[in-house]
Protein backbone atom coordinates (compact mmCIF):
# COMPACT_ATOMS: atom_id res chain seq x y z
CA MET A 1 -192.24 108.56 193.49
CA LYS A 2 -188.84 110.19 193.05
CA LYS A 3 -187.28 106.78 193.66
CA THR A 4 -189.23 105.06 191.17
CA LYS A 5 -188.54 107.90 188.42
CA LEU A 6 -184.89 107.66 189.19
CA GLY A 7 -184.97 103.89 189.11
CA LEU A 8 -186.77 103.93 185.66
CA SER A 9 -184.12 106.70 184.35
CA LEU A 10 -181.26 104.23 185.35
CA LEU A 11 -182.69 101.39 183.73
CA ALA A 12 -183.36 103.27 180.50
CA LEU A 13 -179.81 104.53 180.63
CA LEU A 14 -178.48 101.14 181.12
CA ALA A 15 -180.47 99.72 178.24
CA ALA A 16 -179.16 102.38 175.64
CA SER A 17 -175.70 101.82 177.09
CA ASN A 18 -176.09 97.93 176.45
CA ALA A 19 -177.36 98.70 172.99
CA TRP A 20 -174.50 100.90 172.09
CA SER A 21 -172.03 98.15 173.19
CA HIS A 22 -170.68 95.21 171.05
CA GLY A 23 -167.35 94.59 169.75
CA TYR A 24 -164.44 95.40 167.60
CA VAL A 25 -161.05 93.77 166.33
CA SER A 26 -158.23 94.43 168.74
CA GLU A 27 -155.48 92.22 167.47
CA PRO A 28 -154.26 93.52 165.07
CA ALA A 29 -155.94 96.80 165.98
CA SER A 30 -158.65 97.80 163.51
CA ARG A 31 -158.60 101.39 162.09
CA GLY A 32 -161.24 102.56 164.57
CA TYR A 33 -159.57 100.94 167.63
CA SER A 34 -156.31 102.56 166.65
CA CYS A 35 -158.30 105.82 167.12
CA THR A 36 -158.58 105.19 170.89
CA ALA A 37 -156.59 106.49 173.65
CA ALA A 38 -155.93 102.87 174.65
CA MET A 39 -154.14 102.59 171.40
CA GLY A 40 -152.41 105.75 172.03
CA ASN A 41 -154.53 107.80 169.36
CA LEU A 42 -152.51 106.15 166.60
CA ASN A 43 -155.33 107.38 164.20
CA THR A 44 -156.61 110.99 164.67
CA GLN A 45 -159.58 113.11 163.70
CA CYS A 46 -161.77 109.93 163.94
CA GLY A 47 -165.01 111.33 165.12
CA ALA A 48 -167.32 109.06 167.39
CA VAL A 49 -165.37 105.90 167.12
CA GLN A 50 -162.70 106.95 169.26
CA TYR A 51 -164.96 106.55 172.08
CA GLU A 52 -167.03 103.69 170.62
CA PRO A 53 -164.69 101.19 168.61
CA GLN A 54 -167.28 98.44 169.31
CA SER A 55 -170.15 100.27 167.56
CA VAL A 56 -169.23 100.16 163.82
CA GLU A 57 -172.45 98.19 163.09
CA GLY A 58 -174.35 98.06 159.75
CA HIS A 59 -176.79 95.77 158.11
CA ASP A 60 -176.06 92.31 156.91
CA GLY A 61 -175.41 91.33 153.38
CA PHE A 62 -171.72 91.99 152.24
CA PRO A 63 -170.49 91.70 149.25
CA ALA A 64 -174.07 91.56 148.34
CA TYR A 65 -175.90 95.10 148.65
CA GLN A 66 -179.21 93.86 149.83
CA VAL A 67 -180.66 90.75 151.43
CA GLN A 68 -183.96 89.62 152.77
CA GLY A 69 -183.91 90.32 156.55
CA SER A 70 -185.17 87.98 159.21
CA GLY A 71 -188.30 89.90 159.37
CA GLY A 72 -189.01 89.51 155.62
CA GLY A 73 -188.09 93.05 154.60
CA ILE A 74 -185.07 94.09 152.53
CA VAL A 75 -181.96 95.15 154.30
CA HIS A 76 -178.99 96.85 152.54
CA ALA A 77 -175.23 96.42 153.44
CA PRO A 78 -173.25 99.49 153.52
CA LYS A 79 -172.80 101.16 150.02
CA ASP A 80 -169.37 101.47 148.18
CA GLY A 81 -167.34 104.27 149.68
CA GLU A 82 -169.17 103.95 153.27
CA ILE A 83 -167.83 100.31 154.10
CA ALA A 84 -165.36 101.16 156.72
CA GLY A 85 -167.63 103.11 158.64
CA ALA A 86 -170.44 100.38 158.14
CA GLY A 87 -172.67 103.04 156.41
CA LEU A 88 -173.16 104.88 159.68
CA ALA A 89 -172.99 108.72 159.47
CA SER A 90 -171.71 108.77 163.03
CA MET A 91 -168.72 106.63 161.75
CA SER A 92 -168.30 108.55 158.35
CA PRO A 93 -164.70 109.79 159.45
CA LEU A 94 -163.37 105.98 159.04
CA ASN A 95 -164.35 106.18 155.26
CA ALA A 96 -161.47 108.68 154.41
CA GLN A 97 -159.07 106.62 152.15
CA SER A 98 -155.40 107.51 151.06
CA GLU A 99 -152.21 105.82 151.20
CA SER A 100 -151.13 107.87 154.20
CA ARG A 101 -154.31 108.55 156.10
CA TRP A 102 -154.14 105.66 158.60
CA TYR A 103 -151.65 103.92 160.82
CA LYS A 104 -150.52 100.60 159.62
CA GLN A 105 -150.10 97.29 161.21
CA SER A 106 -147.16 95.14 160.13
CA MET A 107 -148.71 91.86 158.22
CA LYS A 108 -147.11 88.83 156.79
CA ALA A 109 -148.72 86.09 154.57
CA GLY A 110 -149.49 82.90 156.09
CA LYS A 111 -150.94 81.78 159.22
CA GLN A 112 -151.94 84.67 161.40
CA THR A 113 -154.28 85.26 164.13
CA PHE A 114 -157.15 87.91 164.67
CA THR A 115 -158.53 88.74 168.02
CA TRP A 116 -161.90 90.60 168.69
CA THR A 117 -162.90 92.06 171.95
CA PHE A 118 -166.60 91.89 172.84
CA THR A 119 -168.50 94.28 175.05
CA ALA A 120 -172.03 92.82 174.87
CA PRO A 121 -173.37 89.36 174.10
CA HIS A 122 -174.66 88.32 170.78
CA ARG A 123 -175.38 85.14 168.86
CA THR A 124 -172.98 84.77 166.07
CA LYS A 125 -173.61 83.32 162.70
CA ASP A 126 -169.79 83.65 161.53
CA TRP A 127 -166.69 85.91 161.28
CA ARG A 128 -165.28 86.48 157.91
CA TYR A 129 -162.23 88.26 156.84
CA TYR A 130 -161.84 89.86 153.37
CA ILE A 131 -158.60 91.23 151.78
CA THR A 132 -158.00 94.16 149.14
CA LYS A 133 -156.81 92.86 145.63
CA PRO A 134 -153.24 93.08 144.88
CA ASP A 135 -153.61 96.02 142.36
CA TRP A 136 -156.46 97.94 144.45
CA ASN A 137 -155.89 101.66 144.71
CA PRO A 138 -155.14 102.99 148.08
CA ASN A 139 -156.04 106.54 147.05
CA LYS A 140 -159.49 105.70 146.13
CA PRO A 141 -162.41 105.02 148.30
CA LEU A 142 -162.99 101.40 149.46
CA THR A 143 -165.59 99.76 147.29
CA ARG A 144 -166.51 95.99 146.76
CA ALA A 145 -164.25 96.20 143.62
CA SER A 146 -161.26 96.81 146.08
CA PHE A 147 -161.58 93.55 147.60
CA ASP A 148 -161.35 89.94 146.94
CA THR A 149 -165.22 89.32 147.33
CA LYS A 150 -164.56 85.69 148.46
CA PRO A 151 -163.21 85.74 152.15
CA PHE A 152 -159.96 84.17 152.77
CA CYS A 153 -161.11 83.09 156.43
CA VAL A 154 -164.41 82.15 157.73
CA ILE A 155 -164.93 81.10 161.19
CA ASP A 156 -168.31 79.49 162.21
CA GLY A 157 -170.01 80.98 165.25
CA LYS A 158 -172.20 77.98 165.54
CA ASN A 159 -175.16 80.48 166.97
CA GLN A 160 -173.24 80.67 170.24
CA ILE A 161 -172.64 83.67 172.36
CA PRO A 162 -168.94 84.35 172.76
CA PRO A 163 -168.07 85.64 176.40
CA LEU A 164 -167.35 89.19 177.13
CA GLY A 165 -163.60 90.36 176.68
CA LYS A 166 -161.13 88.89 174.24
CA SER A 167 -162.22 86.13 172.01
CA GLN A 168 -160.21 83.15 171.09
CA PRO A 169 -157.85 84.10 168.38
CA HIS A 170 -159.14 83.34 164.95
CA GLU A 171 -156.43 81.44 163.04
CA CYS A 172 -156.46 82.45 159.43
CA ASN A 173 -154.31 81.93 156.36
CA VAL A 174 -153.47 85.31 154.97
CA PRO A 175 -152.90 85.46 151.13
CA GLU A 176 -149.51 86.95 149.65
CA ARG A 177 -149.61 90.69 149.09
CA ASP A 178 -147.17 93.56 148.77
CA GLY A 179 -147.26 96.95 150.33
CA TYR A 180 -150.41 98.61 152.01
CA GLN A 181 -153.41 96.35 152.06
CA VAL A 182 -156.88 96.79 154.17
CA ILE A 183 -158.34 93.71 155.69
CA LEU A 184 -162.18 93.69 156.17
CA ALA A 185 -163.22 91.78 159.27
CA THR A 186 -166.98 91.21 159.67
CA TRP A 187 -168.88 89.73 162.57
CA ASP A 188 -172.36 88.67 161.42
CA VAL A 189 -174.64 88.61 164.38
CA GLY A 190 -177.10 85.76 164.55
CA ASP A 191 -179.92 87.20 166.50
CA THR A 192 -180.30 90.25 164.56
CA ASP A 193 -180.07 91.68 161.07
CA ALA A 194 -176.69 93.33 162.09
CA THR A 195 -173.19 92.89 161.02
CA PHE A 196 -170.23 94.54 162.55
CA TYR A 197 -167.55 96.04 160.01
CA ASN A 198 -163.82 96.41 161.02
CA VAL A 199 -161.25 97.40 158.58
CA ILE A 200 -157.60 96.72 159.44
CA ASP A 201 -154.81 98.82 157.67
CA VAL A 202 -151.95 96.48 157.25
CA ASP A 203 -148.57 96.78 155.73
CA PHE A 204 -146.71 93.68 154.10
CA GLY A 205 -143.53 95.59 153.12
CA GLY A 206 -142.54 96.96 149.73
CA HIS A 207 -145.10 98.48 147.42
CA ASN A 208 -148.48 97.57 145.86
CA HIS A 209 -148.88 98.36 142.22
CA PRO A 210 -152.32 99.71 141.63
CA GLY A 211 -153.91 98.76 138.47
CA ASP A 212 -156.18 100.74 136.12
CA ASP A 213 -159.45 100.53 138.03
CA ALA A 214 -161.28 103.44 136.22
CA GLY A 215 -164.98 102.77 136.28
CA ASN A 216 -164.98 100.36 139.24
CA ASP A 217 -166.26 102.98 141.67
CA ASN A 218 -169.74 102.66 140.60
CA ASP A 219 -170.00 98.86 140.11
CA THR A 220 -173.40 97.36 140.93
CA PRO A 221 -172.38 95.28 144.28
CA PRO A 222 -172.46 91.52 143.66
CA ASN A 223 -175.65 89.60 145.07
CA ASN A 224 -173.76 86.35 145.80
CA PRO A 225 -172.40 86.61 149.22
CA ASP A 226 -169.70 83.79 148.36
CA GLY A 227 -168.07 86.08 146.05
CA ASP A 228 -169.12 84.71 142.65
CA ASN A 229 -169.76 87.64 140.48
CA ASP A 230 -172.37 85.91 138.55
CA ASP A 231 -175.41 88.05 139.78
CA ALA A 232 -175.87 91.63 140.41
CA VAL A 233 -178.27 93.59 142.29
CA THR A 234 -180.05 96.99 141.29
CA PRO A 235 -180.45 99.04 144.32
CA PRO A 236 -184.12 98.71 145.14
CA HIS A 237 -186.71 101.19 144.23
CA PRO A 238 -187.65 103.55 147.06
CA ASP A 239 -191.15 101.81 147.40
CA ASP A 240 -189.44 98.35 148.02
CA ASP A 241 -188.45 99.21 151.78
CA ASN A 242 -190.32 96.49 153.91
CA GLY A 243 -193.61 97.33 152.15
CA VAL A 244 -193.73 100.77 152.99
CA GLU A 245 -195.05 103.05 150.48
CA LEU A 246 -192.70 105.90 150.39
CA PRO A 247 -194.11 109.62 149.80
CA VAL A 248 -192.44 111.79 147.26
CA PRO A 249 -189.35 114.01 147.98
CA GLY A 250 -190.25 116.83 150.37
CA GLU A 251 -193.17 115.17 151.93
CA TYR A 252 -191.39 113.27 154.61
CA PRO A 253 -192.59 114.11 158.18
CA GLY A 254 -190.43 115.22 160.98
CA TRP A 255 -189.45 112.88 163.60
CA LYS A 256 -191.59 112.71 166.77
CA GLN A 257 -190.84 111.37 170.24
CA GLY A 258 -193.35 108.71 171.32
CA HIS A 259 -194.26 107.71 167.78
CA GLN A 260 -194.62 104.01 167.18
CA TYR A 261 -192.30 103.92 163.92
CA LYS A 262 -192.49 100.82 161.73
CA GLY A 263 -189.32 99.18 160.21
CA GLY A 264 -188.81 101.02 156.71
CA GLU A 265 -190.55 104.26 157.75
CA ILE A 266 -188.58 107.49 156.63
CA VAL A 267 -188.59 110.92 158.46
CA ARG A 268 -186.70 114.07 157.85
CA GLY A 269 -184.39 114.78 160.70
CA ARG A 270 -183.69 118.52 162.02
CA ASP A 271 -180.57 118.77 159.90
CA GLY A 272 -182.83 118.27 156.75
CA LYS A 273 -181.57 114.66 156.04
CA LEU A 274 -183.81 111.77 155.51
CA TYR A 275 -183.50 108.65 157.89
CA GLN A 276 -185.08 105.19 157.90
CA CYS A 277 -186.03 103.43 160.85
CA LYS A 278 -184.43 99.90 160.89
CA SER A 279 -186.58 96.87 160.50
CA THR A 280 -185.56 95.34 163.76
CA ASN A 281 -185.48 98.32 165.81
CA GLY A 282 -188.83 99.54 164.72
CA ALA A 283 -190.41 96.28 166.11
CA ASN A 284 -188.83 97.10 169.78
CA GLY A 285 -189.68 100.91 169.67
CA TRP A 286 -186.25 102.28 169.67
CA CYS A 287 -187.03 104.65 166.79
CA GLY A 288 -189.35 106.82 168.58
CA LEU A 289 -188.35 106.00 172.04
CA ASN A 290 -186.71 109.23 173.28
CA HIS A 291 -184.25 111.86 172.08
CA ALA A 292 -181.31 109.65 172.36
CA TYR A 293 -182.54 108.13 169.25
CA GLU A 294 -183.62 111.28 167.43
CA PRO A 295 -182.30 110.69 163.84
CA GLY A 296 -179.14 112.59 163.16
CA SER A 297 -178.90 114.25 166.58
CA GLY A 298 -179.35 111.73 169.59
CA TRP A 299 -176.07 109.97 170.68
CA ALA A 300 -177.57 106.60 169.79
CA TRP A 301 -179.53 107.35 166.83
CA SER A 302 -177.56 105.00 164.40
CA GLU A 303 -178.87 102.11 166.44
CA ALA A 304 -182.43 102.92 165.50
CA TRP A 305 -182.08 104.74 162.08
CA THR A 306 -180.18 104.41 158.69
CA LEU A 307 -179.03 107.68 156.87
CA ARG A 308 -180.69 107.58 153.54
């Protein structure tokens, strides 16, 4: 009996560990990877990402705000101001933004290579690379308005599973820029509604010249993932989440271990904040599995829940 329980515990731990491991941009080093001991802690005061650079995982859709998920429900890409941390509370230190906050990698326009390091297998839709506009303001939070919403490079994943370890370098033609810029690299996983978001702080030399972007911080994100700003999306009404009718504020229940949560259900964590069960992980039972996934406090909670 003791051996059986020990075996089950080990299997559960391995499953949780695999769920918490995915991939990150290692060359040039992403903001999160630059926080790690492997990179000499070039960035400091980074929070959880210094131990988990492979876990900056959010929902599909960028630069749109909402898209239809594979299960038919609505999934939301990270909000403006939360792009660098993929909308995860555990990765929120990455959202800090100023001209001097982060270590910068040298960059030149023209042909450059980008390399990911993968720690868990996933089928891949594509990798996309975006860059901040010439007149972006590095002392304001990163928003969709900060970036050219049309990627400067797209690598087709062909729904294949990349091998573990370093990827084949992605060869991309980087646009002309001056001074400090941010490159956003996204890895759209083909077998879930997840996308990994890695920002790379780069320096082209010289200085950029921020324009007057007053009023852009609250622009409605575009609905067209190809970057044509013809359409806009209004964030959904609270009753639109996967068909789940949400109770009025104050009536959300507390989280219960073992409860079979459905995608879209909302609970109140012990910290008083509201958390929504991710559609894909509601189906596999993670949202109520054990205290590792307890919203806001479990070490792997952001794999199953989204902070509302």
